Amino acid sequence: MPTKNPRLTITLEPSLAAQLRTLSELTGNSQSSLIAELLQGSGPVFDRLIQVLQAAKTAHEAMLGKLVAVLEDCLLFLS
């Protein structure tokens, strides 16, 4: 049956898979719905992590650009 939500395949350590299976049996919820609920609750954390990583990437690229400029200036000075 088609679904509107994206699907994802994950590989778990055997002990974690066993815990998830037990939780599923005890709660009556599917393993995938348990994982989805856990991840949905982490949405704000993911948003903040994305912001931090994007800022770090931007800063890294800016520093590389400055380094290239300094090195080019040094080469011009030495030639």
N, C-alpha and C. Protein backbone atom coordinates (compact mmCIF):
# COMPACT_ATOMS: atom_id res chain seq x y z
N MET A 1 0.84 -1.18 0.00
CA MET A 1 0.00 0.00 0.00
C MET A 1 0.89 1.25 0.00
N PRO A 2 0.67 2.17 -0.93
CA PRO A 2 1.50 3.37 -0.99
C PRO A 2 1.29 4.23 0.25
N THR A 3 2.33 4.97 0.58
CA THR A 3 2.25 5.87 1.73
C THR A 3 2.75 7.24 1.32
N LYS A 4 2.23 8.28 1.96
CA LYS A 4 2.68 9.64 1.65
C LYS A 4 3.97 9.97 2.38
N ASN A 5 4.28 9.22 3.42
CA ASN A 5 5.48 9.49 4.21
C ASN A 5 6.68 8.71 3.66
N PRO A 6 7.86 9.33 3.69
CA PRO A 6 9.06 8.63 3.24
C PRO A 6 9.36 7.42 4.13
N ARG A 7 9.94 6.42 3.55
CA ARG A 7 10.33 5.23 4.29
C ARG A 7 11.84 5.22 4.45
N LEU A 8 12.30 4.57 5.52
CA LEU A 8 13.71 4.53 5.83
C LEU A 8 14.04 3.14 6.35
N THR A 9 15.15 2.61 5.92
CA THR A 9 15.62 1.31 6.41
C THR A 9 16.80 1.56 7.34
N ILE A 10 16.78 0.94 8.53
CA ILE A 10 17.87 1.11 9.47
C ILE A 10 18.38 -0.26 9.90
N THR A 11 19.62 -0.29 10.34
CA THR A 11 20.23 -1.50 10.87
C THR A 11 20.56 -1.25 12.33
N LEU A 12 20.09 -2.14 13.19
CA LEU A 12 20.28 -1.98 14.63
C LEU A 12 21.16 -3.08 15.18
N GLU A 13 21.82 -2.77 16.28
CA GLU A 13 22.54 -3.80 17.02
C GLU A 13 21.51 -4.79 17.55
N PRO A 14 21.85 -6.07 17.66
CA PRO A 14 20.89 -7.06 18.13
C PRO A 14 20.23 -6.72 19.47
N SER A 15 20.99 -6.19 20.41
CA SER A 15 20.42 -5.87 21.71
C SER A 15 19.37 -4.76 21.62
N LEU A 16 19.65 -3.74 20.78
CA LEU A 16 18.69 -2.65 20.61
C LEU A 16 17.45 -3.15 19.87
N ALA A 17 17.64 -4.01 18.88
CA ALA A 17 16.50 -4.58 18.15
C ALA A 17 15.62 -5.40 19.10
N ALA A 18 16.23 -6.13 20.01
CA ALA A 18 15.47 -6.92 20.98
C ALA A 18 14.68 -6.01 21.91
N GLN A 19 15.30 -4.92 22.36
CA GLN A 19 14.60 -3.98 23.22
C GLN A 19 13.40 -3.37 22.50
N LEU A 20 13.61 -2.98 21.27
CA LEU A 20 12.54 -2.38 20.48
C LEU A 20 11.41 -3.38 20.26
N ARG A 21 11.76 -4.62 19.97
CA ARG A 21 10.76 -5.66 19.78
C ARG A 21 9.94 -5.87 21.06
N THR A 22 10.62 -5.88 22.21
CA THR A 22 9.93 -6.06 23.48
C THR A 22 9.00 -4.88 23.77
N LEU A 23 9.49 -3.66 23.53
CA LEU A 23 8.63 -2.49 23.70
C LEU A 23 7.40 -2.57 22.82
N SER A 24 7.60 -3.00 21.59
CA SER A 24 6.50 -3.14 20.66
C SER A 24 5.46 -4.15 21.17
N GLU A 25 5.95 -5.28 21.66
CA GLU A 25 5.04 -6.30 22.18
C GLU A 25 4.29 -5.80 23.41
N LEU A 26 4.98 -5.09 24.30
CA LEU A 26 4.36 -4.63 25.54
C LEU A 26 3.37 -3.48 25.33
N THR A 27 3.66 -2.62 24.35
CA THR A 27 2.79 -1.46 24.12
C THR A 27 1.72 -1.72 23.07
N GLY A 28 1.93 -2.73 22.24
CA GLY A 28 1.00 -2.98 21.15
C GLY A 28 1.21 -2.06 19.96
N ASN A 29 2.24 -1.25 20.01
CA ASN A 29 2.58 -0.36 18.89
C ASN A 29 3.63 -1.03 18.01
N SER A 30 3.59 -0.71 16.73
CA SER A 30 4.60 -1.26 15.84
C SER A 30 5.97 -0.67 16.17
N GLN A 31 7.00 -1.39 15.78
CA GLN A 31 8.36 -0.89 16.01
C GLN A 31 8.57 0.43 15.26
N SER A 32 8.05 0.50 14.05
CA SER A 32 8.25 1.73 13.27
C SER A 32 7.51 2.90 13.90
N SER A 33 6.34 2.70 14.47
CA SER A 33 5.64 3.82 15.10
C SER A 33 6.36 4.26 16.37
N LEU A 34 6.96 3.32 17.10
CA LEU A 34 7.74 3.69 18.29
C LEU A 34 8.93 4.56 17.89
N ILE A 35 9.63 4.15 16.85
CA ILE A 35 10.79 4.92 16.39
C ILE A 35 10.35 6.29 15.89
N ALA A 36 9.25 6.33 15.13
CA ALA A 36 8.75 7.61 14.60
C ALA A 36 8.40 8.57 15.73
N GLU A 37 7.75 8.06 16.78
CA GLU A 37 7.41 8.92 17.92
C GLU A 37 8.65 9.47 18.60
N LEU A 38 9.65 8.61 18.78
CA LEU A 38 10.90 9.06 19.40
C LEU A 38 11.57 10.15 18.57
N LEU A 39 11.61 9.94 17.27
CA LEU A 39 12.27 10.91 16.40
C LEU A 39 11.47 12.22 16.30
N GLN A 40 10.14 12.13 16.28
CA GLN A 40 9.34 13.35 16.23
C GLN A 40 9.58 14.21 17.45
N GLY A 41 9.74 13.59 18.59
CA GLY A 41 10.03 14.34 19.80
C GLY A 41 11.40 15.00 19.76
N SER A 42 12.25 14.54 18.88
CA SER A 42 13.60 15.10 18.75
C SER A 42 13.68 16.18 17.67
N GLY A 43 12.57 16.52 17.06
CA GLY A 43 12.56 17.52 15.98
C GLY A 43 13.24 18.82 16.34
N PRO A 44 12.92 19.44 17.51
CA PRO A 44 13.58 20.69 17.87
C PRO A 44 15.09 20.53 18.04
N VAL A 45 15.53 19.40 18.53
CA VAL A 45 16.97 19.15 18.68
C VAL A 45 17.61 19.06 17.30
N PHE A 46 16.95 18.37 16.38
CA PHE A 46 17.47 18.26 15.01
C PHE A 46 17.55 19.64 14.35
N ASP A 47 16.51 20.47 14.56
CA ASP A 47 16.52 21.82 13.98
C ASP A 47 17.72 22.62 14.47
N ARG A 48 17.98 22.57 15.77
CA ARG A 48 19.11 23.31 16.34
C ARG A 48 20.43 22.76 15.82
N LEU A 49 20.55 21.44 15.74
CA LEU A 49 21.76 20.82 15.23
C LEU A 49 22.02 21.23 13.78
N ILE A 50 20.97 21.29 12.98
CA ILE A 50 21.09 21.72 11.59
C ILE A 50 21.61 23.16 11.53
N GLN A 51 21.07 24.04 12.38
CA GLN A 51 21.53 25.43 12.40
C GLN A 51 23.00 25.52 12.77
N VAL A 52 23.40 24.79 13.77
CA VAL A 52 24.80 24.83 14.22
C VAL A 52 25.73 24.30 13.14
N LEU A 53 25.36 23.18 12.52
CA LEU A 53 26.22 22.60 11.47
C LEU A 53 26.29 23.49 10.25
N GLN A 54 25.17 24.14 9.89
CA GLN A 54 25.21 25.07 8.75
C GLN A 54 26.11 26.27 9.06
N ALA A 55 26.03 26.78 10.29
CA ALA A 55 26.88 27.91 10.68
C ALA A 55 28.35 27.49 10.67
N ALA A 56 28.64 26.30 11.14
CA ALA A 56 30.03 25.80 11.14
C ALA A 56 30.54 25.65 9.72
N LYS A 57 29.69 25.15 8.82
CA LYS A 57 30.10 24.99 7.42
C LYS A 57 30.38 26.35 6.78
N THR A 58 29.52 27.32 7.05
CA THR A 58 29.72 28.66 6.51
C THR A 58 31.01 29.28 7.03
N ALA A 59 31.25 29.13 8.33
CA ALA A 59 32.47 29.67 8.94
C ALA A 59 33.71 28.99 8.36
N HIS A 60 33.64 27.68 8.17
CA HIS A 60 34.77 26.93 7.61
C HIS A 60 35.08 27.41 6.20
N GLU A 61 34.04 27.56 5.39
CA GLU A 61 34.24 28.02 4.01
C GLU A 61 34.82 29.44 3.98
N ALA A 62 34.36 30.30 4.90
CA ALA A 62 34.88 31.67 4.97
C ALA A 62 36.35 31.66 5.35
N MET A 63 36.71 30.84 6.31
CA MET A 63 38.11 30.76 6.74
C MET A 63 39.00 30.22 5.62
N LEU A 64 38.51 29.24 4.88
CA LEU A 64 39.29 28.72 3.76
C LEU A 64 39.51 29.81 2.71
N GLY A 65 38.46 30.59 2.45
CA GLY A 65 38.60 31.68 1.50
C GLY A 65 39.63 32.70 1.95
N LYS A 66 39.63 33.03 3.22
CA LYS A 66 40.62 33.98 3.75
C LYS A 66 42.03 33.40 3.68
N LEU A 67 42.15 32.11 3.98
CA LEU A 67 43.46 31.46 3.92
C LEU A 67 44.01 31.47 2.51
N VAL A 68 43.18 31.18 1.54
CA VAL A 68 43.60 31.21 0.14
C VAL A 68 44.07 32.61 -0.23
N ALA A 69 43.32 33.62 0.19
CA ALA A 69 43.70 35.00 -0.12
C ALA A 69 45.05 35.36 0.49
N VAL A 70 45.27 34.95 1.73
CA VAL A 70 46.55 35.24 2.40
C VAL A 70 47.69 34.53 1.69
N LEU A 71 47.48 33.27 1.32
CA LEU A 71 48.52 32.52 0.62
C LEU A 71 48.83 33.13 -0.75
N GLU A 72 47.79 33.58 -1.44
CA GLU A 72 48.02 34.23 -2.73
C GLU A 72 48.81 35.52 -2.56
N ASP A 73 48.50 36.28 -1.51
CA ASP A 73 49.25 37.50 -1.22
C ASP A 73 50.72 37.19 -0.93
N CYS A 74 50.95 36.10 -0.18
CA CYS A 74 52.33 35.70 0.14
C CYS A 74 53.09 35.32 -1.13
N LEU A 75 52.43 34.61 -2.02
CA LEU A 75 53.08 34.20 -3.26
C LEU A 75 53.41 35.42 -4.12
N LEU A 76 52.52 36.39 -4.16
CA LEU A 76 52.78 37.62 -4.92
C LEU A 76 53.95 38.39 -4.30
N PHE A 77 54.01 38.42 -2.99
CA PHE A 77 55.09 39.11 -2.30
C PHE A 77 56.44 38.46 -2.56
N LEU A 78 56.44 37.11 -2.59
CA LEU A 78 57.68 36.38 -2.78
C LEU A 78 58.16 36.37 -4.24
N SER A 79 57.28 36.64 -5.16
CA SER A 79 57.70 36.58 -6.57
C SER A 79 58.18 37.91 -7.12
